[in-house]
């Protein structure tokens, strides 16, 4: 822990996070599993693709859910690897500034379109 003493007896404390990447991964899994939006998605969206007269619709729903989870995990893993590679390059700060600028301009443009929309 780093403690900085400033004038007038003001103290600032900074703590260093000592979690490992595995702990962050486990935390992400727990948050995803306990997220009620995921359960609502599966209960409202997936049943329309299941034949109610099939032999065991519960197993079909489970297979669809596991398929979705596997595909989402692979997609997020690909994003993580691509982001890790992109931000490990030498010109990361330059590209980050450009990306932030482009994102900001896009958000301002979308806000303007919404504000000027006549509906």
Protein backbone atom coordinates (compact mmCIF):
# COMPACT_ATOMS: atom_id res chain seq x y z
CA UNK A 1 0.00 0.00 0.00
CA UNK A 2 1.30 3.43 -0.93
CA UNK A 3 0.44 6.33 1.37
CA UNK A 4 1.08 9.88 0.26
CA UNK A 5 0.96 12.62 2.88
CA UNK A 6 -0.13 15.96 1.45
CA UNK A 7 -0.23 19.38 3.11
CA UNK A 8 -3.01 20.03 5.61
CA UNK A 9 -2.91 16.41 6.75
CA UNK A 10 -4.71 14.98 3.71
CA UNK A 11 -3.82 11.35 3.08
CA UNK A 12 -4.17 9.49 -0.20
CA UNK A 13 -4.03 5.71 -0.13
CA UNK A 14 -3.50 3.52 -3.17
CA UNK A 15 -3.83 -0.23 -3.11
CA UNK A 16 -2.24 -2.57 -5.61
CA UNK A 17 -4.44 -5.30 -7.01
CA UNK A 18 -2.75 -8.69 -6.67
CA UNK A 19 -5.28 -10.84 -8.53
CA UNK A 20 -4.10 -13.26 -11.16
CA UNK A 21 -5.56 -13.57 -14.64
CA UNK A 22 -7.13 -16.89 -13.60
CA UNK A 23 -8.99 -15.16 -10.80
CA UNK A 24 -10.34 -12.57 -13.25
CA UNK A 25 -11.44 -15.41 -15.55
CA UNK A 26 -13.28 -17.19 -12.73
CA UNK A 27 -14.91 -13.91 -11.69
CA UNK A 28 -16.11 -13.40 -15.28
CA UNK A 29 -17.63 -16.89 -15.37
CA UNK A 30 -19.41 -16.37 -12.04
CA UNK A 31 -20.80 -13.00 -13.16
CA UNK A 32 -22.00 -14.48 -16.45
CA UNK A 33 -23.64 -17.48 -14.82
CA UNK A 34 -25.40 -15.40 -12.17
CA UNK A 35 -26.52 -12.70 -14.61
CA UNK A 36 -30.34 -12.77 -14.75
CA UNK A 37 -30.35 -11.27 -18.25
CA UNK A 38 -28.73 -14.43 -19.60
CA UNK A 39 -31.40 -16.63 -18.02
CA UNK A 40 -34.15 -14.38 -19.39
CA UNK A 41 -32.58 -14.54 -22.84
CA UNK A 42 -32.49 -18.33 -22.82
CA UNK A 43 -36.02 -18.61 -21.47
CA UNK A 44 -37.52 -16.13 -23.94
CA UNK A 45 -35.51 -16.51 -27.14
CA UNK A 46 -34.41 -20.14 -27.45
CA UNK A 47 -37.76 -21.93 -26.88
CA UNK A 48 -39.13 -20.63 -30.19
CA UNK A 49 -36.62 -22.88 -31.96
CA UNK A 50 -37.59 -26.02 -30.05
CA UNK A 51 -40.32 -28.35 -31.20
CA UNK A 52 -42.64 -28.82 -28.20
CA UNK A 53 -43.58 -32.26 -29.48
CA UNK A 54 -40.00 -33.51 -29.54
CA UNK A 55 -39.01 -36.42 -27.35
CA UNK A 56 -37.22 -34.30 -24.73
CA UNK A 57 -37.39 -30.51 -25.24
CA UNK A 58 -35.41 -29.88 -22.04
CA UNK A 59 -32.34 -31.57 -23.50
CA UNK A 60 -32.71 -29.64 -26.75
CA UNK A 61 -32.84 -26.37 -24.78
CA UNK A 62 -29.75 -27.44 -22.83
CA UNK A 63 -27.87 -28.28 -26.03
CA UNK A 64 -28.83 -24.93 -27.59
CA UNK A 65 -27.73 -23.10 -24.46
CA UNK A 66 -24.38 -24.91 -24.33
CA UNK A 67 -23.85 -24.26 -28.04
CA UNK A 68 -24.53 -20.57 -27.55
CA UNK A 69 -22.23 -20.40 -24.52
CA UNK A 70 -19.42 -22.17 -26.38
CA UNK A 71 -19.72 -19.89 -29.38
CA UNK A 72 -19.85 -16.77 -27.20
CA UNK A 73 -16.79 -17.91 -25.25
CA UNK A 74 -14.83 -18.56 -28.45
CA UNK A 75 -15.86 -15.16 -29.83
CA UNK A 76 -14.85 -13.36 -26.63
CA UNK A 77 -11.57 -15.30 -26.56
CA UNK A 78 -10.83 -14.16 -30.11
CA UNK A 79 -11.54 -10.54 -29.10
CA UNK A 80 -9.28 -10.87 -26.07
CA UNK A 81 -6.40 -12.32 -28.10
CA UNK A 82 -6.79 -9.67 -30.80
CA UNK A 83 -6.95 -6.88 -28.21
CA UNK A 84 -3.96 -8.24 -26.33
CA UNK A 85 -1.94 -8.38 -29.54
CA UNK A 86 -3.07 -4.92 -30.67
CA UNK A 87 -2.26 -3.25 -27.37
CA UNK A 88 1.14 -4.92 -27.06
CA UNK A 89 2.43 -3.13 -30.16
CA UNK A 90 4.81 -0.16 -29.97
CA UNK A 91 2.39 2.44 -31.39
CA UNK A 92 -0.48 1.50 -29.09
CA UNK A 93 -0.99 4.96 -27.60
CA UNK A 94 -1.12 6.54 -31.06
CA UNK A 95 -3.74 4.07 -32.31
CA UNK A 96 -5.69 4.34 -29.07
CA UNK A 97 -5.95 8.12 -29.47
CA UNK A 98 -7.15 7.70 -33.06
CA UNK A 99 -9.71 5.06 -32.03
CA UNK A 100 -11.00 7.26 -29.21
CA UNK A 101 -11.31 10.21 -31.60
CA UNK A 102 -13.20 8.20 -34.21
CA UNK A 103 -15.49 6.71 -31.55
CA UNK A 104 -16.19 10.16 -30.13
CA UNK A 105 -17.05 11.60 -33.53
CA UNK A 106 -19.36 8.64 -34.24
CA UNK A 107 -21.16 9.06 -30.91
CA UNK A 108 -21.58 12.81 -31.44
CA UNK A 109 -22.90 12.12 -34.95
CA UNK A 110 -25.40 9.57 -33.67
CA UNK A 111 -26.51 11.95 -30.93
CA UNK A 112 -27.01 14.67 -33.53
CA UNK A 113 -29.04 12.35 -35.74
CA UNK A 114 -31.26 11.39 -32.83
CA UNK A 115 -31.69 15.04 -31.82
CA UNK A 116 -32.60 16.14 -35.34
CA UNK A 117 -34.81 13.15 -36.19
CA UNK A 118 -38.39 14.28 -36.86
CA UNK A 119 -40.22 11.26 -35.51
